[in-house]
N, C-alpha and C. Protein backbone atom coordinates (compact mmCIF):
# COMPACT_ATOMS: atom_id res chain seq x y z
N MET A 1 0.82 -1.19 0.00
CA MET A 1 0.00 0.00 0.00
C MET A 1 0.86 1.26 0.00
N ALA A 2 1.89 1.31 0.85
CA ALA A 2 2.77 2.47 0.89
C ALA A 2 3.51 2.63 -0.43
N HIS A 3 3.86 1.49 -1.05
CA HIS A 3 4.55 1.54 -2.34
C HIS A 3 3.67 2.20 -3.38
N ASP A 4 2.38 1.88 -3.37
CA ASP A 4 1.45 2.49 -4.33
C ASP A 4 1.36 4.00 -4.11
N SER A 5 1.32 4.42 -2.86
CA SER A 5 1.24 5.86 -2.55
C SER A 5 2.48 6.60 -3.03
N ILE A 6 3.64 6.02 -2.81
CA ILE A 6 4.88 6.64 -3.25
C ILE A 6 4.92 6.73 -4.77
N ASN A 7 4.49 5.68 -5.42
CA ASN A 7 4.49 5.66 -6.88
C ASN A 7 3.54 6.72 -7.44
N VAL A 8 2.34 6.81 -6.89
CA VAL A 8 1.37 7.81 -7.35
C VAL A 8 1.89 9.22 -7.11
N LEU A 9 2.45 9.47 -5.93
CA LEU A 9 3.01 10.78 -5.61
C LEU A 9 4.13 11.13 -6.58
N ALA A 10 5.03 10.20 -6.82
CA ALA A 10 6.15 10.45 -7.72
C ALA A 10 5.68 10.75 -9.14
N VAL A 11 4.71 10.00 -9.61
CA VAL A 11 4.19 10.22 -10.97
C VAL A 11 3.52 11.60 -11.07
N CYS A 12 2.72 11.96 -10.09
CA CYS A 12 2.04 13.28 -10.11
C CYS A 12 3.05 14.42 -10.07
N LEU A 13 4.04 14.32 -9.20
CA LEU A 13 5.04 15.37 -9.10
C LEU A 13 5.88 15.46 -10.37
N THR A 14 6.13 14.32 -10.98
CA THR A 14 6.88 14.30 -12.24
C THR A 14 6.11 15.01 -13.34
N GLN A 15 4.82 14.79 -13.40
CA GLN A 15 4.00 15.47 -14.41
C GLN A 15 4.03 16.98 -14.19
N LEU A 16 3.96 17.42 -12.94
CA LEU A 16 4.04 18.85 -12.65
C LEU A 16 5.42 19.41 -12.97
N ALA A 17 6.44 18.60 -12.75
CA ALA A 17 7.82 19.04 -12.97
C ALA A 17 8.15 19.24 -14.45
N THR A 18 7.35 18.69 -15.31
CA THR A 18 7.61 18.86 -16.75
C THR A 18 6.61 19.81 -17.39
N GLY A 19 5.90 20.57 -16.57
CA GLY A 19 4.94 21.55 -17.08
C GLY A 19 5.65 22.80 -17.59
N HIS A 20 4.87 23.76 -18.03
CA HIS A 20 5.43 24.96 -18.65
C HIS A 20 5.59 26.14 -17.69
N ARG A 21 5.15 25.98 -16.45
CA ARG A 21 5.28 27.06 -15.47
C ARG A 21 6.51 26.81 -14.61
N PRO A 22 7.55 27.63 -14.76
CA PRO A 22 8.81 27.38 -14.04
C PRO A 22 8.66 27.28 -12.53
N GLU A 23 7.80 28.12 -11.94
CA GLU A 23 7.67 28.09 -10.48
C GLU A 23 7.02 26.78 -10.00
N VAL A 24 6.06 26.27 -10.75
CA VAL A 24 5.42 24.99 -10.40
C VAL A 24 6.42 23.86 -10.62
N ARG A 25 7.17 23.95 -11.69
CA ARG A 25 8.19 22.94 -12.00
C ARG A 25 9.19 22.84 -10.85
N GLN A 26 9.68 23.97 -10.38
CA GLN A 26 10.69 23.97 -9.33
C GLN A 26 10.14 23.44 -8.00
N VAL A 27 8.95 23.85 -7.63
CA VAL A 27 8.34 23.39 -6.37
C VAL A 27 8.07 21.89 -6.42
N SER A 28 7.61 21.40 -7.55
CA SER A 28 7.33 19.97 -7.65
C SER A 28 8.62 19.16 -7.58
N LEU A 29 9.69 19.65 -8.20
CA LEU A 29 10.98 18.96 -8.09
C LEU A 29 11.49 18.96 -6.65
N ASP A 30 11.38 20.10 -5.99
CA ASP A 30 11.80 20.17 -4.58
C ASP A 30 11.02 19.18 -3.72
N THR A 31 9.72 19.10 -3.95
CA THR A 31 8.87 18.19 -3.17
C THR A 31 9.20 16.74 -3.47
N LEU A 32 9.40 16.42 -4.74
CA LEU A 32 9.73 15.05 -5.14
C LEU A 32 11.02 14.59 -4.46
N PHE A 33 12.07 15.39 -4.57
CA PHE A 33 13.35 14.97 -4.02
C PHE A 33 13.36 15.00 -2.49
N ALA A 34 12.68 15.95 -1.89
CA ALA A 34 12.57 15.96 -0.42
C ALA A 34 11.86 14.70 0.07
N SER A 35 10.82 14.29 -0.64
CA SER A 35 10.08 13.07 -0.27
C SER A 35 10.96 11.83 -0.41
N LEU A 36 11.75 11.78 -1.47
CA LEU A 36 12.62 10.63 -1.67
C LEU A 36 13.72 10.57 -0.61
N TYR A 37 14.29 11.71 -0.26
CA TYR A 37 15.29 11.72 0.82
C TYR A 37 14.66 11.31 2.15
N LEU A 38 13.46 11.80 2.41
CA LEU A 38 12.79 11.51 3.68
C LEU A 38 12.40 10.04 3.79
N HIS A 39 11.81 9.50 2.73
CA HIS A 39 11.28 8.14 2.78
C HIS A 39 12.21 7.10 2.16
N GLY A 40 13.32 7.54 1.62
CA GLY A 40 14.26 6.64 0.96
C GLY A 40 14.71 5.45 1.79
N PRO A 41 15.00 5.65 3.08
CA PRO A 41 15.45 4.51 3.89
C PRO A 41 14.40 3.40 3.99
N LYS A 42 13.14 3.72 3.74
CA LYS A 42 12.08 2.72 3.85
C LYS A 42 11.83 1.98 2.53
N LEU A 43 12.43 2.44 1.44
CA LEU A 43 12.17 1.83 0.14
C LEU A 43 13.02 0.58 -0.07
N SER A 44 12.42 -0.42 -0.65
CA SER A 44 13.13 -1.66 -0.94
C SER A 44 13.97 -1.47 -2.21
N PRO A 45 14.96 -2.34 -2.42
CA PRO A 45 15.74 -2.25 -3.66
C PRO A 45 14.85 -2.33 -4.92
N GLY A 46 13.83 -3.16 -4.88
CA GLY A 46 12.93 -3.28 -6.03
C GLY A 46 12.18 -1.99 -6.31
N LEU A 47 11.73 -1.32 -5.24
CA LEU A 47 11.03 -0.06 -5.43
C LEU A 47 11.98 1.04 -5.89
N TRP A 48 13.21 1.04 -5.38
CA TRP A 48 14.19 2.01 -5.87
C TRP A 48 14.42 1.81 -7.37
N ASN A 49 14.48 0.57 -7.79
CA ASN A 49 14.66 0.27 -9.21
C ASN A 49 13.52 0.88 -10.02
N ILE A 50 12.29 0.73 -9.53
CA ILE A 50 11.12 1.30 -10.22
C ILE A 50 11.19 2.83 -10.21
N VAL A 51 11.57 3.41 -9.07
CA VAL A 51 11.65 4.88 -8.96
C VAL A 51 12.68 5.43 -9.95
N PHE A 52 13.84 4.80 -10.01
CA PHE A 52 14.86 5.30 -10.93
C PHE A 52 14.49 5.08 -12.39
N LYS A 53 14.14 3.85 -12.72
CA LYS A 53 13.88 3.53 -14.13
C LYS A 53 12.55 4.05 -14.64
N GLY A 54 11.56 4.17 -13.74
CA GLY A 54 10.24 4.58 -14.18
C GLY A 54 9.90 6.04 -13.92
N VAL A 55 10.68 6.69 -13.03
CA VAL A 55 10.35 8.08 -12.67
C VAL A 55 11.54 9.02 -12.91
N LEU A 56 12.65 8.79 -12.23
CA LEU A 56 13.74 9.76 -12.23
C LEU A 56 14.48 9.87 -13.56
N ILE A 57 14.84 8.75 -14.14
CA ILE A 57 15.57 8.80 -15.42
C ILE A 57 14.68 9.37 -16.53
N PRO A 58 13.42 8.93 -16.65
CA PRO A 58 12.54 9.59 -17.64
C PRO A 58 12.32 11.08 -17.35
N LEU A 59 12.27 11.45 -16.07
CA LEU A 59 12.10 12.86 -15.70
C LEU A 59 13.27 13.69 -16.23
N ILE A 60 14.48 13.22 -16.02
CA ILE A 60 15.66 13.94 -16.51
C ILE A 60 15.61 14.07 -18.02
N SER A 61 15.25 13.01 -18.68
CA SER A 61 15.14 13.04 -20.14
C SER A 61 14.08 14.04 -20.60
N ASP A 62 12.93 14.03 -19.95
CA ASP A 62 11.86 14.97 -20.31
C ASP A 62 12.26 16.42 -20.05
N LEU A 63 12.91 16.67 -18.92
CA LEU A 63 13.35 18.04 -18.62
C LEU A 63 14.41 18.50 -19.62
N ARG A 64 15.31 17.60 -19.97
CA ARG A 64 16.35 17.94 -20.94
C ARG A 64 15.73 18.33 -22.27
N GLN A 65 14.75 17.56 -22.73
CA GLN A 65 14.08 17.86 -23.99
C GLN A 65 13.30 19.17 -23.90
N LEU A 66 12.61 19.38 -22.79
CA LEU A 66 11.83 20.60 -22.60
C LEU A 66 12.72 21.83 -22.64
N GLU A 67 13.83 21.77 -21.92
CA GLU A 67 14.72 22.93 -21.86
C GLU A 67 15.49 23.14 -23.15
N THR A 68 15.81 22.07 -23.85
CA THR A 68 16.48 22.20 -25.14
C THR A 68 15.55 22.84 -26.16
N ALA A 69 14.29 22.43 -26.15
CA ALA A 69 13.32 22.95 -27.11
C ALA A 69 12.93 24.39 -26.82
N ALA A 70 12.81 24.74 -25.55
CA ALA A 70 12.27 26.06 -25.21
C ALA A 70 13.29 27.00 -24.58
N SER A 71 14.49 26.51 -24.30
CA SER A 71 15.49 27.31 -23.58
C SER A 71 14.89 27.92 -22.32
N VAL A 72 14.23 27.07 -21.54
CA VAL A 72 13.54 27.52 -20.32
C VAL A 72 14.53 27.53 -19.17
N ASP A 73 14.64 28.67 -18.51
CA ASP A 73 15.50 28.79 -17.33
C ASP A 73 14.65 29.06 -16.10
N VAL A 74 15.12 28.56 -14.96
CA VAL A 74 14.51 28.92 -13.68
C VAL A 74 15.65 29.54 -12.89
N GLY A 75 15.64 30.86 -12.79
CA GLY A 75 16.75 31.54 -12.16
C GLY A 75 18.00 31.30 -12.99
N PRO A 76 19.16 31.30 -12.35
CA PRO A 76 20.40 31.15 -13.11
C PRO A 76 20.71 29.70 -13.51
N VAL A 77 20.04 28.75 -12.90
CA VAL A 77 20.36 27.34 -13.16
C VAL A 77 19.12 26.64 -13.72
N LYS A 78 19.31 25.85 -14.76
CA LYS A 78 18.19 25.13 -15.37
C LYS A 78 17.69 24.02 -14.44
N CYS A 79 16.40 23.75 -14.53
CA CYS A 79 15.77 22.69 -13.73
C CYS A 79 16.42 21.33 -13.98
N CYS A 80 16.77 21.06 -15.21
CA CYS A 80 17.34 19.76 -15.54
C CYS A 80 18.64 19.53 -14.77
N ARG A 81 19.48 20.54 -14.73
CA ARG A 81 20.75 20.41 -14.03
C ARG A 81 20.53 20.22 -12.53
N VAL A 82 19.61 20.98 -11.97
CA VAL A 82 19.29 20.86 -10.55
C VAL A 82 18.74 19.46 -10.26
N ALA A 83 17.82 19.00 -11.09
CA ALA A 83 17.23 17.67 -10.91
C ALA A 83 18.29 16.59 -11.05
N LEU A 84 19.19 16.74 -12.01
CA LEU A 84 20.25 15.76 -12.21
C LEU A 84 21.16 15.69 -10.99
N CYS A 85 21.49 16.83 -10.42
CA CYS A 85 22.30 16.85 -9.20
C CYS A 85 21.58 16.15 -8.05
N GLN A 86 20.29 16.36 -7.95
CA GLN A 86 19.49 15.69 -6.91
C GLN A 86 19.47 14.18 -7.12
N VAL A 87 19.31 13.75 -8.37
CA VAL A 87 19.29 12.32 -8.68
C VAL A 87 20.63 11.69 -8.30
N VAL A 88 21.72 12.35 -8.64
CA VAL A 88 23.04 11.83 -8.29
C VAL A 88 23.21 11.78 -6.77
N GLY A 89 22.72 12.79 -6.07
CA GLY A 89 22.78 12.79 -4.60
C GLY A 89 22.00 11.64 -3.98
N ILE A 90 20.81 11.41 -4.50
CA ILE A 90 19.99 10.30 -4.00
C ILE A 90 20.66 8.97 -4.30
N PHE A 91 21.20 8.84 -5.50
CA PHE A 91 21.90 7.61 -5.88
C PHE A 91 23.06 7.34 -4.92
N GLY A 92 23.83 8.38 -4.62
CA GLY A 92 24.95 8.22 -3.70
C GLY A 92 24.51 7.87 -2.29
N GLN A 93 23.48 8.53 -1.81
CA GLN A 93 23.03 8.30 -0.43
C GLN A 93 22.43 6.91 -0.25
N PHE A 94 21.71 6.43 -1.24
CA PHE A 94 21.00 5.15 -1.10
C PHE A 94 21.59 4.06 -2.00
N TYR A 95 22.87 4.20 -2.34
CA TYR A 95 23.50 3.24 -3.25
C TYR A 95 23.39 1.80 -2.76
N ASP A 96 23.52 1.58 -1.47
CA ASP A 96 23.46 0.21 -0.95
C ASP A 96 22.13 -0.46 -1.28
N ALA A 97 21.05 0.29 -1.29
CA ALA A 97 19.74 -0.27 -1.63
C ALA A 97 19.49 -0.27 -3.13
N ILE A 98 20.08 0.69 -3.84
CA ILE A 98 19.81 0.84 -5.27
C ILE A 98 20.70 -0.06 -6.10
N GLY A 99 21.98 -0.06 -5.81
CA GLY A 99 22.93 -0.83 -6.61
C GLY A 99 23.28 -0.12 -7.90
N PHE A 100 24.02 -0.80 -8.75
CA PHE A 100 24.50 -0.22 -10.00
C PHE A 100 23.37 -0.09 -11.01
N LEU A 101 23.27 1.05 -11.65
CA LEU A 101 22.25 1.30 -12.67
C LEU A 101 22.91 1.81 -13.95
N PRO A 102 23.13 0.94 -14.92
CA PRO A 102 23.73 1.41 -16.17
C PRO A 102 22.89 2.51 -16.83
N GLU A 103 21.57 2.45 -16.65
CA GLU A 103 20.69 3.45 -17.25
C GLU A 103 21.02 4.86 -16.74
N LEU A 104 21.44 4.95 -15.48
CA LEU A 104 21.79 6.25 -14.93
C LEU A 104 23.06 6.78 -15.59
N LEU A 105 24.00 5.91 -15.87
CA LEU A 105 25.21 6.34 -16.57
C LEU A 105 24.89 6.85 -17.97
N PHE A 106 24.00 6.18 -18.68
CA PHE A 106 23.59 6.64 -20.01
C PHE A 106 22.90 8.00 -19.92
N CYS A 107 22.08 8.18 -18.90
CA CYS A 107 21.38 9.45 -18.68
C CYS A 107 22.39 10.57 -18.42
N LEU A 108 23.37 10.30 -17.56
CA LEU A 108 24.41 11.29 -17.27
C LEU A 108 25.20 11.65 -18.52
N GLY A 109 25.55 10.62 -19.30
CA GLY A 109 26.28 10.85 -20.54
C GLY A 109 25.49 11.71 -21.52
N ALA A 110 24.20 11.44 -21.64
CA ALA A 110 23.34 12.22 -22.54
C ALA A 110 23.26 13.67 -22.09
N CYS A 111 23.16 13.88 -20.79
CA CYS A 111 23.10 15.26 -20.27
C CYS A 111 24.41 16.00 -20.50
N MET A 112 25.53 15.31 -20.31
CA MET A 112 26.83 15.95 -20.53
C MET A 112 27.02 16.28 -22.01
N THR A 113 26.57 15.41 -22.88
CA THR A 113 26.67 15.66 -24.32
C THR A 113 25.82 16.86 -24.71
N THR A 114 24.60 16.92 -24.20
CA THR A 114 23.72 18.05 -24.48
C THR A 114 24.33 19.34 -23.95
N GLU A 115 24.88 19.29 -22.75
CA GLU A 115 25.48 20.47 -22.12
C GLU A 115 26.68 20.97 -22.92
N SER A 116 27.52 20.06 -23.39
CA SER A 116 28.71 20.48 -24.13
C SER A 116 28.37 21.00 -25.52
N ASN A 117 27.24 20.57 -26.08
CA ASN A 117 26.82 21.04 -27.40
C ASN A 117 26.15 22.41 -27.36
N SER A 118 25.73 22.84 -26.16
CA SER A 118 25.04 24.14 -26.10
C SER A 118 25.95 25.26 -25.67
């Protein structure tokens, strides 16, 4: 039951985080990552796998595409970069439960390639 609640919350916040209003995007990202840091110790390795592969990695990809297409900034730092830093922080903090994720490396590589091309 708790797993379903976390999944629904993450999906809803992800949808808000990819919207066109920068202030809503930023608040939803802050809420998503604060929730993951707070409840992360309670998540099983299987649920972490779902969160990363089904929520966080697609979120980074969606934000990257949104910002590339629209050149959308939130303050001096783009949402995608902030979200990517948060994802890396979560990965580092909960690595023992998450384990190695090749998909995260591909996501990081894609972001670095996009960043160096702009």
